[in-house]
Amino acid sequence: MTNTNGTALEIARTYVEAMANKDVDTIVSISADDVVCTSPLGQTTGVERFRAFQDGFAKMITNLVTLAVYGDDEQAIVVYDVETHPVPHAVVAELIKVKDGKLGSTHVIYDATPFAAYAATVQPH
């Protein structure tokens, strides 16, 4: 997977740029209706649940820097460094797969330990 062009690669570039800009509408527009997102938080299926996942993430982001994007027509990898309100620094990798020209699935990989530690300190309302 060393191509510098391809459908999945272009979707991945658009996706990570939209995340950095907190542009959830763009993320949804490039996603399949039955998009699947798997992360340490679990799995979501469907574009509305994916929107909710992305909305929640966008609210936490203070800065996101793309470190790498590689891919071809079928799949891509994005790696980014994200600063969030609860955790000041996290490196995240996502494996993106395309389905019918749209983001069909993403597998989000990061160390969830600092996020869980933060969540343990938050008092319920």
Protein backbone atom coordinates (compact mmCIF):
# COMPACT_ATOMS: atom_id res chain seq x y z
CA MET A 1 0.00 0.00 0.00
CA THR A 2 2.37 2.70 -1.21
CA ASN A 3 0.26 4.41 -3.86
CA THR A 4 -0.05 8.18 -3.87
CA ASN A 5 -3.49 8.15 -5.48
CA GLY A 6 -6.65 6.09 -5.36
CA THR A 7 -10.22 6.26 -4.14
CA ALA A 8 -9.54 5.19 -0.55
CA LEU A 9 -6.54 7.47 -0.32
CA GLU A 10 -8.58 10.48 -1.45
CA ILE A 11 -11.38 9.62 0.97
CA ALA A 12 -8.83 9.24 3.79
CA ARG A 13 -7.30 12.64 3.03
CA THR A 14 -10.72 14.29 2.98
CA TYR A 15 -11.70 12.46 6.18
CA VAL A 16 -8.67 13.45 8.24
CA GLU A 17 -8.81 17.04 6.99
CA ALA A 18 -12.50 17.21 7.94
CA MET A 19 -11.70 15.82 11.41
CA ALA A 20 -9.00 18.47 11.88
CA ASN A 21 -11.54 21.14 10.90
CA LYS A 22 -14.32 19.59 13.03
CA ASP A 23 -16.38 19.34 9.83
CA VAL A 24 -18.71 16.46 10.66
CA ASP A 25 -20.97 17.24 7.69
CA THR A 26 -18.12 16.50 5.27
CA ILE A 27 -17.31 13.28 7.12
CA VAL A 28 -20.93 12.17 6.80
CA SER A 29 -21.07 13.17 3.12
CA ILE A 30 -18.19 10.81 2.23
CA SER A 31 -19.53 7.93 4.34
CA ALA A 32 -21.70 5.01 3.27
CA ASP A 33 -25.17 4.78 4.80
CA ASP A 34 -24.12 1.57 6.57
CA VAL A 35 -20.63 2.74 7.60
CA VAL A 36 -19.07 0.70 10.41
CA CYS A 37 -16.77 2.31 12.96
CA THR A 38 -14.83 0.10 15.34
CA SER A 39 -12.86 1.71 18.16
CA PRO A 40 -11.85 1.00 21.76
CA LEU A 41 -15.31 2.38 22.66
CA GLY A 42 -17.02 -0.40 20.67
CA GLN A 43 -18.64 -0.59 17.28
CA THR A 44 -21.20 1.67 15.63
CA THR A 45 -23.10 0.90 12.45
CA GLY A 46 -24.92 3.39 10.27
CA VAL A 47 -24.27 6.94 9.22
CA GLU A 48 -26.34 8.56 12.01
CA ARG A 49 -24.47 6.69 14.76
CA PHE A 50 -21.20 7.52 12.99
CA ARG A 51 -22.25 11.20 12.94
CA ALA A 52 -22.86 11.05 16.70
CA PHE A 53 -19.45 9.42 17.22
CA GLN A 54 -17.76 12.12 15.11
CA ASP A 55 -19.74 14.94 16.78
CA GLY A 56 -18.52 13.76 20.18
CA PHE A 57 -14.93 13.55 18.97
CA ALA A 58 -15.09 16.98 17.31
CA LYS A 59 -16.21 18.57 20.59
CA MET A 60 -13.10 17.21 22.33
CA ILE A 61 -10.50 18.23 19.70
CA THR A 62 -8.28 21.22 20.38
CA ASN A 63 -5.74 20.38 17.65
CA LEU A 64 -5.22 17.57 15.14
CA VAL A 65 -2.09 17.14 13.03
CA THR A 66 -1.94 14.57 10.25
CA LEU A 67 1.22 12.47 10.47
CA ALA A 68 0.68 10.10 7.53
CA VAL A 69 -1.87 9.04 4.93
CA TYR A 70 -1.25 6.03 2.68
CA GLY A 71 -3.61 4.07 0.52
CA ASP A 72 -4.93 2.82 -2.77
CA ASP A 73 -8.39 2.31 -4.28
CA GLU A 74 -9.68 -0.08 -1.63
CA GLN A 75 -8.15 0.89 1.71
CA ALA A 76 -6.06 3.54 3.40
CA ILE A 77 -4.27 4.21 6.65
CA VAL A 78 -4.31 7.58 8.40
CA VAL A 79 -2.16 8.40 11.39
CA TYR A 80 -2.67 11.59 13.34
CA ASP A 81 -1.66 13.28 16.57
CA VAL A 82 -4.66 14.74 18.37
CA GLU A 83 -4.89 17.06 21.34
CA THR A 84 -8.20 16.94 23.18
CA HIS A 85 -9.77 18.57 26.22
CA PRO A 86 -9.58 15.38 28.30
CA VAL A 87 -6.24 14.07 27.01
CA PRO A 88 -3.50 16.46 25.90
CA HIS A 89 -1.85 14.08 23.43
CA ALA A 90 -2.88 10.88 21.63
CA VAL A 91 -1.54 9.23 18.50
CA VAL A 92 -4.34 7.57 16.53
CA ALA A 93 -4.25 5.24 13.52
CA GLU A 94 -7.28 4.38 11.40
CA LEU A 95 -7.69 1.67 8.78
CA ILE A 96 -10.25 2.95 6.28
CA LYS A 97 -11.98 0.70 3.78
CA VAL A 98 -14.05 1.89 0.84
CA LYS A 99 -17.45 0.53 -0.15
CA ASP A 100 -19.03 1.71 -3.42
CA GLY A 101 -16.86 4.83 -3.51
CA LYS A 102 -17.64 5.87 0.07
CA LEU A 103 -16.04 5.39 3.48
CA GLY A 104 -17.39 1.94 4.29
CA SER A 105 -15.56 1.24 7.52
CA THR A 106 -12.91 2.57 9.81
CA HIS A 107 -11.02 0.74 12.49
CA VAL A 108 -9.74 3.31 15.01
CA ILE A 109 -6.67 2.32 17.02
CA TYR A 110 -5.40 4.30 20.02
CA ASP A 111 -4.44 3.87 23.66
CA ALA A 112 -7.73 4.37 25.51
CA THR A 113 -6.10 4.28 28.97
CA PRO A 114 -5.67 8.07 29.37
CA PHE A 115 -9.27 8.67 28.24
CA ALA A 116 -10.55 6.07 30.74
CA ALA A 117 -8.49 7.67 33.52
CA TYR A 118 -10.04 11.04 32.72
CA ALA A 119 -13.55 9.58 32.58
CA ALA A 120 -13.03 8.10 36.07
CA THR A 121 -12.44 11.60 37.46
CA VAL A 122 -15.58 13.15 35.97
CA GLN A 123 -18.56 13.45 38.30
CA PRO A 124 -21.91 12.42 36.80
CA HIS A 125 -24.48 15.22 36.47
